[in-house]
Amino acid sequence: MLLTVKMMKPFYTLQEGHELKLVFAYQYFSVMKGDEVYQFIPVESNEIRINLKTRQIENLTDIFVFQRGTRIFRIPLFQLLQISDLVDHLKSVSQFYAEQILADEEEEAMNEEIGNLEMQNLYRLIDKALLEGDRDLFMQLTNQLKTEEAAQ
């Protein structure tokens, strides 16, 4: 039977490096089975862990439990992903975090490249000072180079 996600709001999200944890609690996650609503109950697993670099879910074998009155059904996360529209909901939740990691990595790479270009420029200025015989400028630039290298 096909399930549809009626509501999916993580109780909280936690990003640790490239891993995003979506933690669920009562009344924050429900599915439709036929025309009946089943509420998530955190008796076994209560989180979905997503690797933001690979965009893969890492806890596929965890069991999620849903309840309607006295009826309960247990389902492994991998099966829930196969027979419901859960993937679409996870994409929308994790998209922001994945974009943020990508932006942070791009900024870090750009800053590193700028640092490399600044060092190359400093070496060129030192070479120029040597060619022109400007001892004061040479000493000033080599002291600056020592400071820059110590900072890295």
Protein backbone atom coordinates (compact mmCIF):
# COMPACT_ATOMS: atom_id res chain seq x y z
CA MET A 1 0.00 0.00 0.00
CA LEU A 2 1.26 3.46 -0.90
CA LEU A 3 1.91 5.87 1.95
CA THR A 4 1.99 9.64 1.66
CA VAL A 5 3.58 12.02 4.09
CA LYS A 6 0.89 14.21 5.61
CA MET A 7 3.22 16.27 7.77
CA MET A 8 6.95 16.19 8.36
CA LYS A 9 8.52 18.83 10.57
CA PRO A 10 11.69 17.87 12.37
CA PHE A 11 11.46 18.56 16.09
CA TYR A 12 14.98 19.87 15.63
CA THR A 13 17.83 19.60 13.15
CA LEU A 14 21.48 19.23 13.98
CA GLN A 15 24.31 19.66 11.52
CA GLU A 16 27.65 18.08 12.45
CA GLY A 17 30.14 18.56 9.63
CA HIS A 18 28.67 16.93 6.54
CA GLU A 19 25.97 15.06 8.46
CA LEU A 20 22.49 16.42 9.02
CA LYS A 21 20.30 14.85 11.69
CA LEU A 22 16.56 15.36 11.48
CA VAL A 23 15.06 14.42 14.83
CA PHE A 24 11.33 13.75 15.06
CA ALA A 25 8.92 13.71 17.99
CA TYR A 26 5.20 13.10 18.55
CA GLN A 27 2.87 15.14 16.33
CA TYR A 28 5.67 16.35 14.03
CA PHE A 29 5.55 13.48 11.55
CA SER A 30 2.48 11.72 10.17
CA VAL A 31 1.63 9.57 7.16
CA MET A 32 -1.53 8.70 5.29
CA LYS A 33 -2.16 4.99 4.83
CA GLY A 34 -5.18 4.74 2.61
CA ASP A 35 -7.41 7.47 3.99
CA GLU A 36 -6.24 7.10 7.60
CA VAL A 37 -3.65 9.28 9.35
CA TYR A 38 -0.97 7.55 11.39
CA GLN A 39 1.17 9.56 13.81
CA PHE A 40 4.86 8.88 14.28
CA ILE A 41 5.78 7.61 17.74
CA PRO A 42 9.47 7.62 18.75
CA VAL A 43 9.62 4.16 20.33
CA GLU A 44 12.46 2.85 18.16
CA SER A 45 14.23 5.30 15.84
CA ASN A 46 13.50 9.00 15.94
CA GLU A 47 16.00 10.47 13.51
CA ILE A 48 17.04 10.48 9.89
CA ARG A 49 20.74 11.05 9.20
CA ILE A 50 21.70 12.51 5.83
CA ASN A 51 25.22 12.83 4.47
CA LEU A 52 25.07 16.26 2.85
CA LYS A 53 28.08 15.64 0.60
CA THR A 54 26.73 12.45 -0.94
CA ARG A 55 23.06 13.27 -0.29
CA GLN A 56 22.61 9.73 1.01
CA ILE A 57 20.59 8.65 4.01
CA GLU A 58 22.86 6.81 6.41
CA ASN A 59 20.45 5.00 8.75
CA LEU A 60 18.32 3.11 6.24
CA THR A 61 17.76 0.09 8.48
CA ASP A 62 16.33 2.08 11.40
CA ILE A 63 12.72 1.22 12.26
CA PHE A 64 10.06 3.94 12.36
CA VAL A 65 6.79 3.31 14.19
CA PHE A 66 3.43 4.91 13.40
CA GLN A 67 0.20 4.66 15.37
CA ARG A 68 -3.50 5.27 14.87
CA GLY A 69 -5.47 4.51 18.01
CA THR A 70 -4.48 0.99 19.03
CA ARG A 71 -3.14 0.07 15.57
CA ILE A 72 0.60 0.30 15.13
CA PHE A 73 2.83 -0.42 12.17
CA ARG A 74 6.61 -0.63 12.12
CA ILE A 75 8.56 0.06 8.95
CA PRO A 76 12.29 0.25 8.16
CA LEU A 77 13.37 3.61 6.80
CA PHE A 78 14.53 2.13 3.48
CA GLN A 79 11.06 0.67 2.90
CA LEU A 80 9.36 3.89 3.96
CA LEU A 81 11.45 5.69 1.34
CA GLN A 82 10.39 3.21 -1.34
CA ILE A 83 6.64 3.27 -0.75
CA SER A 84 6.09 6.94 0.11
CA ASP A 85 6.91 10.45 -1.02
CA LEU A 86 9.29 10.90 1.91
CA VAL A 87 12.28 11.56 -0.39
CA ASP A 88 10.62 14.73 -1.71
CA HIS A 89 10.11 16.01 1.83
CA LEU A 90 13.69 15.19 2.81
CA LYS A 91 15.06 16.98 -0.25
CA SER A 92 13.27 20.18 0.67
CA VAL A 93 14.50 20.02 4.28
CA SER A 94 18.12 19.13 3.47
CA GLN A 95 18.53 21.41 0.43
CA PHE A 96 19.30 24.50 2.53
CA TYR A 97 22.01 22.70 4.52
CA ALA A 98 23.62 21.19 1.42
CA GLU A 99 23.72 24.59 -0.27
CA GLN A 100 25.26 26.14 2.85
CA ILE A 101 28.05 23.52 2.95
CA LEU A 102 28.74 24.07 -0.74
CA ALA A 103 28.87 27.86 -0.25
CA ASP A 104 31.21 27.46 2.74
CA GLU A 105 33.53 25.16 0.75
CA GLU A 106 33.55 27.56 -2.22
CA GLU A 107 34.36 30.49 0.07
CA GLU A 108 37.14 28.51 1.75
CA ALA A 109 38.64 27.55 -1.63
CA MET A 110 38.41 31.16 -2.83
CA ASN A 111 40.10 32.46 0.33
CA GLU A 112 42.86 29.88 -0.08
CA GLU A 113 43.38 30.91 -3.70
CA ILE A 114 43.49 34.60 -2.74
CA GLY A 115 46.09 33.77 -0.08
CA ASN A 116 48.19 31.91 -2.68
CA LEU A 117 48.00 34.86 -5.10
CA GLU A 118 48.99 37.30 -2.34
CA MET A 119 52.03 35.14 -1.49
CA GLN A 120 53.03 34.94 -5.17
CA ASN A 121 52.73 38.72 -5.42
CA LEU A 122 54.89 39.15 -2.32
CA TYR A 123 57.58 36.91 -3.84
CA ARG A 124 57.48 38.99 -7.05
CA LEU A 125 57.82 42.22 -5.07
CA ILE A 126 60.82 40.75 -3.22
CA ASP A 127 62.41 39.78 -6.56
CA LYS A 128 61.78 43.30 -7.87
CA ALA A 129 63.36 44.88 -4.77
CA LEU A 130 66.42 42.65 -5.28
CA LEU A 131 66.70 43.60 -8.95
CA GLU A 132 66.42 47.31 -8.13
CA GLY A 133 68.85 47.03 -5.20
CA ASP A 134 66.29 48.52 -2.77
CA ARG A 135 67.57 47.09 0.51
CA ASP A 136 64.96 48.81 2.73
CA LEU A 137 62.04 47.53 0.63
CA PHE A 138 63.65 44.06 0.47
CA MET A 139 63.96 43.93 4.30
CA GLN A 140 60.39 45.20 4.76
CA LEU A 141 58.99 42.61 2.30
CA THR A 142 60.97 39.67 3.72
CA ASN A 143 59.77 40.58 7.23
CA GLN A 144 56.21 40.68 5.86
CA LEU A 145 56.81 37.27 4.23
CA LYS A 146 58.00 35.80 7.55
CA THR A 147 54.86 37.17 9.26
CA GLU A 148 52.58 35.75 6.52
CA GLU A 149 54.25 32.32 6.63
CA ALA A 150 54.03 32.21 10.43
CA ALA A 151 50.31 33.00 10.22
CA GLN A 152 49.69 30.02 7.94
